[in-house]
């Protein structure tokens, strides 16, 4: 390392040009009188005393002033570096605490350049998820995040998992680490979303090849992440084969994630169970939420085979309610057998095709 590089590094530690010259002169002598250092560094003797006191406080030198004349001794470089390292490490907890509310995952956009960072972000999203995760990942990386997936499922989070690059994995491989799993033998990009708010996208090459020269991007924007979810379900999910589906939940249970409610409704209907629905909902394009109650009579969904949707990301509950419950004529999709009931559709956040936008859905066995 040349003198200029050493000087640059010392500048980064906050030393001025004269302080650097003085310190390097002391280093060259090992130990010297202030007058000697002043002459060699081209500064005044008074300045040497002043600078030496500052360098002493930071551990660079030791001012020996209990003898006459006063001398200045450079501390061993390894001790200086060790002390500086310790100071930086002790600073980390405080910086982390202050930075905790503005974590890297919460930045609106972040370009990611390494596979290591990508894996760290995936694990971070899984750890933070409280309702829903969609994930497309190469089979070769599945083991690296299996523990985090299992913990996420254990918290009651809906985990929709697409494993790419290997369509031979057995169904039992996914027990307890996902809600629904599909396999696709082709390669697909990494896609991760959580809560319709946090997203991560990276080319497949970035994960399976070193020095691929590609980059990923993390997004924290509620307006854009649903587009990534739409791409996941519209472009990649239909290409894969369903290999695993979780068991139906014990009811009653309330879901604030609408897709989770649709999944469980589908499973219970397929098992032939009569299900009652109670939803906190409002007619689309209005502001007033109320309780909509009725009997589950069908679903529209693209999560499970066989799918029953009219477009790729459709998720809806079809509920038969009594006319007096509040569906009104706007929600009329045809009378029930006795002419007193109405059939309405419930959709999730941002619903506009369905009759109602829901905030939460409770499923329970019909009386």
Protein backbone atom coordinates (compact mmCIF):
# COMPACT_ATOMS: atom_id res chain seq x y z
CA UNK A 1 0.00 0.00 0.00
CA UNK A 2 1.54 3.36 -1.06
CA UNK A 3 1.68 6.53 1.05
CA UNK A 4 -1.24 8.12 -0.78
CA UNK A 5 -3.49 5.12 -0.13
CA UNK A 6 -2.53 5.17 3.56
CA UNK A 7 -3.30 8.89 3.67
CA UNK A 8 -6.69 8.33 1.98
CA UNK A 9 -7.62 5.71 4.57
CA UNK A 10 -6.61 8.03 7.41
CA UNK A 11 -8.73 10.82 5.88
CA UNK A 12 -11.73 8.46 6.03
CA UNK A 13 -11.07 8.17 9.77
CA UNK A 14 -11.44 11.93 10.09
CA UNK A 15 -7.80 13.05 10.21
CA UNK A 16 -6.82 16.34 8.56
CA UNK A 17 -3.88 16.70 6.20
CA UNK A 18 -1.56 18.10 8.91
CA UNK A 19 -2.71 15.46 11.39
CA UNK A 20 -1.87 12.77 8.85
CA UNK A 21 1.58 14.25 8.18
CA UNK A 22 2.26 14.49 11.90
CA UNK A 23 1.07 10.95 12.62
CA UNK A 24 3.05 9.40 9.75
CA UNK A 25 6.17 11.25 10.94
CA UNK A 26 5.71 9.84 14.46
CA UNK A 27 5.25 6.37 12.94
CA UNK A 28 8.50 6.67 11.02
CA UNK A 29 10.40 7.55 14.20
CA UNK A 30 8.55 5.15 16.48
CA UNK A 31 9.22 7.57 19.33
CA UNK A 32 10.55 11.12 19.10
CA UNK A 33 10.69 14.53 20.78
CA UNK A 34 8.06 17.07 19.77
CA UNK A 35 10.74 19.30 18.27
CA UNK A 36 11.95 16.47 16.02
CA UNK A 37 8.44 15.70 14.82
CA UNK A 38 7.75 19.40 14.21
CA UNK A 39 10.87 19.81 12.10
CA UNK A 40 10.27 16.68 9.98
CA UNK A 41 6.54 17.33 9.52
CA UNK A 42 6.98 21.01 8.71
CA UNK A 43 4.71 22.27 11.50
CA UNK A 44 5.19 24.20 14.70
CA UNK A 45 6.16 22.53 17.96
CA UNK A 46 2.98 23.89 19.56
CA UNK A 47 0.91 22.26 16.80
CA UNK A 48 2.64 18.93 17.41
CA UNK A 49 1.63 19.08 21.07
CA UNK A 50 -1.98 19.93 20.12
CA UNK A 51 -2.27 17.22 17.47
CA UNK A 52 -0.56 14.62 19.64
CA UNK A 53 -3.13 15.13 22.38
CA UNK A 54 -5.93 14.40 19.88
CA UNK A 55 -4.08 11.37 18.50
CA UNK A 56 -3.53 10.16 22.06
CA UNK A 57 -7.26 10.38 22.80
CA UNK A 58 -8.00 8.23 19.74
CA UNK A 59 -5.32 5.67 20.61
CA UNK A 60 -2.94 6.40 17.73
CA UNK A 61 -0.06 7.57 19.94
CA UNK A 62 1.01 7.81 23.57
CA UNK A 63 2.24 11.22 24.82
CA UNK A 64 4.94 10.63 27.44
CA UNK A 65 4.88 13.89 29.40
CA UNK A 66 6.08 12.64 32.76
CA UNK A 67 9.69 12.98 31.60
CA UNK A 68 11.67 15.89 30.23
CA UNK A 69 11.70 16.49 27.35
CA UNK A 70 8.24 15.22 26.43
CA UNK A 71 8.29 12.50 23.80
CA UNK A 72 5.59 11.05 21.57
CA UNK A 73 5.47 7.32 20.90
CA UNK A 74 3.44 5.65 18.16
CA UNK A 75 1.28 2.81 19.40
CA UNK A 76 1.70 -0.53 17.58
CA UNK A 77 -0.46 -0.44 14.41
CA UNK A 78 -2.18 -3.72 15.31
CA UNK A 79 -3.35 -2.17 18.59
CA UNK A 80 -4.62 0.92 16.79
CA UNK A 81 -6.58 -1.14 14.26
CA UNK A 82 -8.01 -3.37 17.01
CA UNK A 83 -9.18 -0.34 18.99
CA UNK A 84 -10.80 1.25 15.93
CA UNK A 85 -12.53 -2.01 15.06
CA UNK A 86 -13.88 -2.32 18.58
CA UNK A 87 -15.23 1.23 18.44
CA UNK A 88 -17.05 0.51 15.17
CA UNK A 89 -18.50 -2.75 16.45
CA UNK A 90 -19.78 -1.05 19.60
CA UNK A 91 -21.49 1.53 17.38
CA UNK A 92 -23.41 -1.08 15.40
CA UNK A 93 -26.23 -1.77 17.93
CA UNK A 94 -27.07 1.93 18.21
CA UNK A 95 -27.05 2.40 14.44
CA UNK A 96 -29.16 -0.71 13.98
CA UNK A 97 -31.71 0.53 16.51
CA UNK A 98 -32.01 3.89 14.81
CA UNK A 99 -32.14 2.28 11.37
CA UNK A 100 -34.63 -0.40 12.38
CA UNK A 101 -37.67 1.60 11.35
CA UNK A 102 -36.27 2.15 7.85
CA UNK A 103 -35.11 -1.37 7.02
CA UNK A 104 -33.78 -2.16 3.58
CA UNK A 105 -36.89 -4.24 2.85
CA UNK A 106 -39.03 -1.12 3.31
CA UNK A 107 -37.33 1.02 0.66
CA UNK A 108 -39.63 1.64 -2.30
CA UNK A 109 -37.04 0.35 -4.78
CA UNK A 110 -33.73 -1.38 -4.19
CA UNK A 111 -31.43 -2.87 -6.80
CA UNK A 112 -29.88 -6.13 -5.59
CA UNK A 113 -26.59 -7.28 -7.07
CA UNK A 114 -25.73 -10.54 -5.29
CA UNK A 115 -27.32 -13.94 -4.74
CA UNK A 116 -26.46 -13.70 -1.03
CA UNK A 117 -28.51 -10.53 -0.67
CA UNK A 118 -31.40 -12.06 -2.63
CA UNK A 119 -31.56 -15.03 -0.24
CA UNK A 120 -31.38 -12.68 2.74
CA UNK A 121 -34.29 -10.65 1.37
CA UNK A 122 -36.39 -13.79 0.76
CA UNK A 123 -35.89 -14.92 4.33
CA UNK A 124 -36.69 -11.43 5.58
CA UNK A 125 -39.97 -11.33 3.67
CA UNK A 126 -40.96 -14.75 4.99
CA UNK A 127 -40.17 -13.75 8.56
CA UNK A 128 -42.27 -10.57 8.28
CA UNK A 129 -45.27 -12.07 6.50
CA UNK A 130 -48.47 -12.20 8.52
CA UNK A 131 -51.11 -13.08 5.92
CA UNK A 132 -49.99 -14.14 2.44
CA UNK A 133 -46.85 -15.09 0.51
CA UNK A 134 -46.47 -16.02 -3.14
CA UNK A 135 -43.12 -17.51 -4.08
CA UNK A 136 -41.51 -18.82 -7.26
CA UNK A 137 -38.08 -20.33 -6.59
CA UNK A 138 -35.67 -22.79 -8.23
CA UNK A 139 -35.78 -26.27 -6.72
CA UNK A 140 -32.05 -26.08 -6.02
CA UNK A 141 -32.63 -23.28 -3.47
CA UNK A 142 -35.66 -24.72 -1.71
CA UNK A 143 -33.67 -26.31 1.11
CA UNK A 144 -32.07 -22.97 1.99
CA UNK A 145 -35.41 -21.42 2.94
CA UNK A 146 -37.28 -24.51 4.15
CA UNK A 147 -37.03 -23.59 7.84
CA UNK A 148 -38.38 -20.09 7.17
CA UNK A 149 -41.22 -21.51 5.06
CA UNK A 150 -42.22 -23.91 7.82
CA UNK A 151 -42.24 -21.12 10.42
CA UNK A 152 -44.34 -18.97 8.09
CA UNK A 153 -46.94 -21.71 7.63
CA UNK A 154 -46.95 -22.36 11.38
CA UNK A 155 -47.97 -18.71 11.90
CA UNK A 156 -51.07 -19.33 9.80
CA UNK A 157 -49.83 -17.50 6.72
CA UNK A 158 -51.08 -18.58 3.29
CA UNK A 159 -48.02 -19.74 1.30
CA UNK A 160 -48.46 -20.26 -2.45
CA UNK A 161 -45.30 -21.99 -3.70
CA UNK A 162 -44.12 -22.56 -7.28
CA UNK A 163 -40.96 -24.67 -7.54
CA UNK A 164 -39.20 -24.48 -10.91
CA UNK A 165 -36.48 -26.40 -12.70
CA UNK A 166 -37.51 -29.81 -11.32
CA UNK A 167 -40.94 -31.42 -11.71
CA UNK A 168 -40.04 -34.71 -10.01
CA UNK A 169 -40.14 -33.72 -6.33
CA UNK A 170 -42.58 -35.85 -4.28
CA UNK A 171 -45.68 -34.35 -2.66
CA UNK A 172 -44.58 -35.29 0.86
CA UNK A 173 -41.57 -33.02 0.40
CA UNK A 174 -43.87 -30.04 0.92
CA UNK A 175 -45.81 -31.12 3.98
CA UNK A 176 -45.89 -28.20 6.40
CA UNK A 177 -43.90 -25.74 4.27
CA UNK A 178 -46.63 -24.44 1.96
CA UNK A 179 -50.39 -24.25 1.50
CA UNK A 180 -50.45 -25.05 -2.22
CA UNK A 181 -47.50 -26.22 -4.33
CA UNK A 182 -47.02 -26.54 -8.06
CA UNK A 183 -43.97 -27.87 -9.91
CA UNK A 184 -42.69 -26.73 -13.29
CA UNK A 185 -39.73 -28.35 -15.01
CA UNK A 186 -38.83 -25.14 -16.83
CA UNK A 187 -36.88 -22.24 -15.40
CA UNK A 188 -38.71 -19.12 -14.28
CA UNK A 189 -37.67 -15.89 -12.60
CA UNK A 190 -37.63 -15.61 -8.83
CA UNK A 191 -40.82 -13.92 -7.66
CA UNK A 192 -41.66 -13.26 -4.02
CA UNK A 193 -44.50 -11.14 -2.66
CA UNK A 194 -45.80 -10.63 0.85
CA UNK A 195 -49.00 -8.92 1.99
CA UNK A 196 -49.60 -7.38 -1.49
CA UNK A 197 -47.11 -4.70 -0.39
CA UNK A 198 -43.59 -6.15 -0.50
CA UNK A 199 -42.13 -7.73 -3.61
CA UNK A 200 -38.91 -9.20 -4.94
CA UNK A 201 -37.97 -10.13 -8.51
CA UNK A 202 -34.75 -11.58 -9.93
CA UNK A 203 -33.75 -13.46 -13.10
CA UNK A 204 -33.25 -17.19 -12.68
CA UNK A 205 -29.63 -16.88 -13.83
CA UNK A 206 -28.79 -14.72 -10.84
CA UNK A 207 -29.69 -17.55 -8.48
CA UNK A 208 -28.28 -20.60 -10.24
CA UNK A 209 -25.09 -19.20 -11.80
CA UNK A 210 -22.26 -17.23 -10.26
CA UNK A 211 -21.12 -14.07 -12.04
CA UNK A 212 -24.27 -14.00 -14.14
CA UNK A 213 -24.04 -10.23 -14.47
CA UNK A 214 -27.75 -9.78 -13.69
CA UNK A 215 -29.54 -7.88 -10.95
CA UNK A 216 -32.72 -8.20 -8.92
CA UNK A 217 -35.06 -5.60 -7.57
CA UNK A 218 -36.98 -5.28 -4.31
CA UNK A 219 -40.18 -3.22 -4.28
CA UNK A 220 -42.17 -1.82 -1.39
CA UNK A 221 -45.14 -0.15 -3.02
CA UNK A 222 -48.75 -1.22 -2.66
CA UNK A 223 -49.60 0.04 -6.15
CA UNK A 224 -46.99 -2.10 -7.92
CA UNK A 225 -46.74 -5.34 -5.95
CA UNK A 226 -50.23 -6.53 -7.03
CA UNK A 227 -48.93 -6.35 -10.62
CA UNK A 228 -46.20 -8.82 -9.66
CA UNK A 229 -48.82 -11.05 -8.04
CA UNK A 230 -50.83 -10.86 -11.25
CA UNK A 231 -47.80 -11.90 -13.29
CA UNK A 232 -47.18 -14.82 -10.94
CA UNK A 233 -50.73 -16.16 -11.26
CA UNK A 234 -51.24 -15.18 -14.87
CA UNK A 235 -47.98 -16.21 -16.50
CA UNK A 236 -46.30 -18.92 -14.41
CA UNK A 237 -48.79 -20.59 -12.04
CA UNK A 238 -51.00 -21.99 -14.87
CA UNK A 239 -47.96 -23.63 -16.53
CA UNK A 240 -47.15 -25.78 -13.51
CA UNK A 241 -48.64 -29.00 -12.12
CA UNK A 242 -50.32 -29.09 -8.74
CA UNK A 243 -48.60 -31.60 -6.41
CA UNK A 244 -49.59 -30.60 -2.88
CA UNK A 245 -52.55 -28.98 -1.13
CA UNK A 246 -52.91 -28.42 2.61
CA UNK A 247 -55.76 -29.90 4.63
CA UNK A 248 -58.86 -27.79 5.35
CA UNK A 249 -58.67 -25.65 8.48
CA UNK A 250 -60.77 -26.43 11.50
CA UNK A 251 -63.72 -24.03 11.58
CA UNK A 252 -64.86 -21.52 12.65
CA UNK A 253 -62.03 -19.25 11.56
CA UNK A 254 -61.73 -15.62 10.45
CA UNK A 255 -59.53 -14.63 7.51
CA UNK A 256 -58.33 -11.11 6.80
CA UNK A 257 -56.51 -12.36 3.70
CA UNK A 258 -59.24 -12.95 1.11
CA UNK A 259 -57.25 -15.42 -1.00
CA UNK A 260 -56.82 -17.58 2.10
CA UNK A 261 -60.59 -17.51 2.66
CA UNK A 262 -61.14 -18.58 -0.95
CA UNK A 263 -58.67 -21.46 -0.64
CA UNK A 264 -60.30 -22.79 2.53
CA UNK A 265 -63.80 -22.30 1.13
CA UNK A 266 -62.83 -24.36 -1.91
CA UNK A 267 -61.40 -27.17 0.22
CA UNK A 268 -64.49 -27.38 2.43
CA UNK A 269 -66.88 -27.31 -0.52
CA UNK A 270 -64.91 -30.08 -2.25
CA UNK A 271 -65.28 -32.15 0.92
CA UNK A 272 -69.04 -31.65 0.74
CA UNK A 273 -69.40 -29.46 3.81
CA UNK A 274 -72.11 -26.84 4.27
CA UNK A 275 -70.41 -23.57 5.16
CA UNK A 276 -71.84 -20.36 6.57
CA UNK A 277 -70.15 -17.09 5.67
CA UNK A 278 -70.06 -13.87 7.66
CA UNK A 279 -68.13 -11.06 6.01
CA UNK A 280 -67.29 -7.48 6.89
CA UNK A 281 -67.96 -6.03 3.47
CA UNK A 282 -69.19 -3.04 1.50
CA UNK A 283 -70.79 -2.76 -1.92
CA UNK A 284 -68.04 -1.97 -4.44
CA UNK A 285 -67.35 1.72 -5.01
CA UNK A 286 -69.03 2.68 -1.74
CA UNK A 287 -67.62 3.51 1.69
CA UNK A 288 -69.85 1.89 4.28
CA UNK A 289 -68.92 -1.54 5.61
CA UNK A 290 -71.55 -3.81 7.10
CA UNK A 291 -71.95 -7.50 7.89
CA UNK A 292 -73.02 -9.77 5.05
CA UNK A 293 -74.12 -13.23 6.13
CA UNK A 294 -75.23 -16.22 4.12
CA UNK A 295 -74.56 -19.71 2.85
CA UNK A 296 -71.50 -20.48 0.71
CA UNK A 297 -72.73 -21.89 -2.61
CA UNK A 298 -69.64 -21.59 -4.81
CA UNK A 299 -66.22 -20.10 -5.48
CA UNK A 300 -64.35 -18.61 -8.40
CA UNK A 301 -60.65 -19.22 -8.07
CA UNK A 302 -57.40 -20.08 -9.86
CA UNK A 303 -55.46 -21.39 -6.86
CA UNK A 304 -56.50 -25.05 -7.02
CA UNK A 305 -57.21 -27.59 -9.70
CA UNK A 306 -59.76 -27.70 -11.13
CA UNK A 307 -59.79 -23.92 -11.44
CA UNK A 308 -63.12 -22.13 -11.62
CA UNK A 309 -62.22 -18.64 -12.75
CA UNK A 310 -63.13 -16.38 -15.62
CA UNK A 311 -59.81 -14.51 -15.56
CA UNK A 312 -56.36 -15.34 -14.20
CA UNK A 313 -56.41 -13.62 -10.80
CA UNK A 314 -60.10 -13.98 -10.02
CA UNK A 315 -60.99 -14.89 -6.46
CA UNK A 316 -64.59 -14.68 -5.35
CA UNK A 317 -66.98 -16.30 -2.90
CA UNK A 318 -70.54 -16.88 -4.09
CA UNK A 319 -72.90 -16.50 -1.16
CA UNK A 320 -76.64 -16.96 -0.91
CA UNK A 321 -78.13 -14.47 1.51
CA UNK A 322 -81.60 -13.48 2.59
CA UNK A 323 -82.88 -10.38 0.85
CA UNK A 324 -83.32 -8.65 4.20
CA UNK A 325 -79.60 -9.10 4.93
CA UNK A 326 -78.74 -6.12 2.76
CA UNK A 327 -77.69 -7.43 -0.64
CA UNK A 328 -80.43 -5.45 -2.29
CA UNK A 329 -81.26 -5.46 -5.94
CA UNK A 330 -77.71 -4.44 -6.93
CA UNK A 331 -76.42 -7.79 -5.69
CA UNK A 332 -79.11 -9.88 -7.41
CA UNK A 333 -77.67 -12.67 -9.49
CA UNK A 334 -80.92 -14.63 -9.54
CA UNK A 335 -83.50 -15.74 -7.02
CA UNK A 336 -83.16 -18.78 -4.82
CA UNK A 337 -85.64 -21.60 -5.08
CA UNK A 338 -88.09 -19.90 -2.74
CA UNK A 339 -87.68 -16.48 -4.33
CA UNK A 340 -86.71 -14.87 -1.03
CA UNK A 341 -82.92 -15.20 -1.24
CA UNK A 342 -80.28 -13.47 -3.32
CA UNK A 343 -76.92 -14.69 -4.57
CA UNK A 344 -74.06 -12.20 -4.32
CA UNK A 345 -70.32 -12.33 -4.94
CA UNK A 346 -67.67 -11.28 -2.46
CA UNK A 347 -64.24 -10.12 -3.60
CA UNK A 348 -61.05 -9.11 -1.84
CA UNK A 349 -59.24 -5.80 -1.48
CA UNK A 350 -59.78 -3.62 -4.54
CA UNK A 351 -62.67 -5.73 -5.86
CA UNK A 352 -64.58 -4.16 -8.73
CA UNK A 353 -66.05 -7.13 -10.65
CA UNK A 354 -67.78 -8.61 -7.60
CA UNK A 355 -70.74 -7.16 -5.72
CA UNK A 356 -68.89 -6.64 -2.45
CA UNK A 357 -65.34 -5.77 -1.35
CA UNK A 358 -64.52 -7.55 1.89
CA UNK A 359 -62.28 -6.66 4.81
CA UNK A 360 -62.59 -10.00 6.62
CA UNK A 361 -64.37 -13.32 6.16
CA UNK A 362 -65.46 -15.80 8.83
CA UNK A 363 -66.18 -19.37 7.81
CA UNK A 364 -68.04 -21.79 10.05
CA UNK A 365 -70.08 -24.98 9.69
CA UNK A 366 -73.64 -24.21 8.65
CA UNK A 367 -76.24 -24.83 11.34
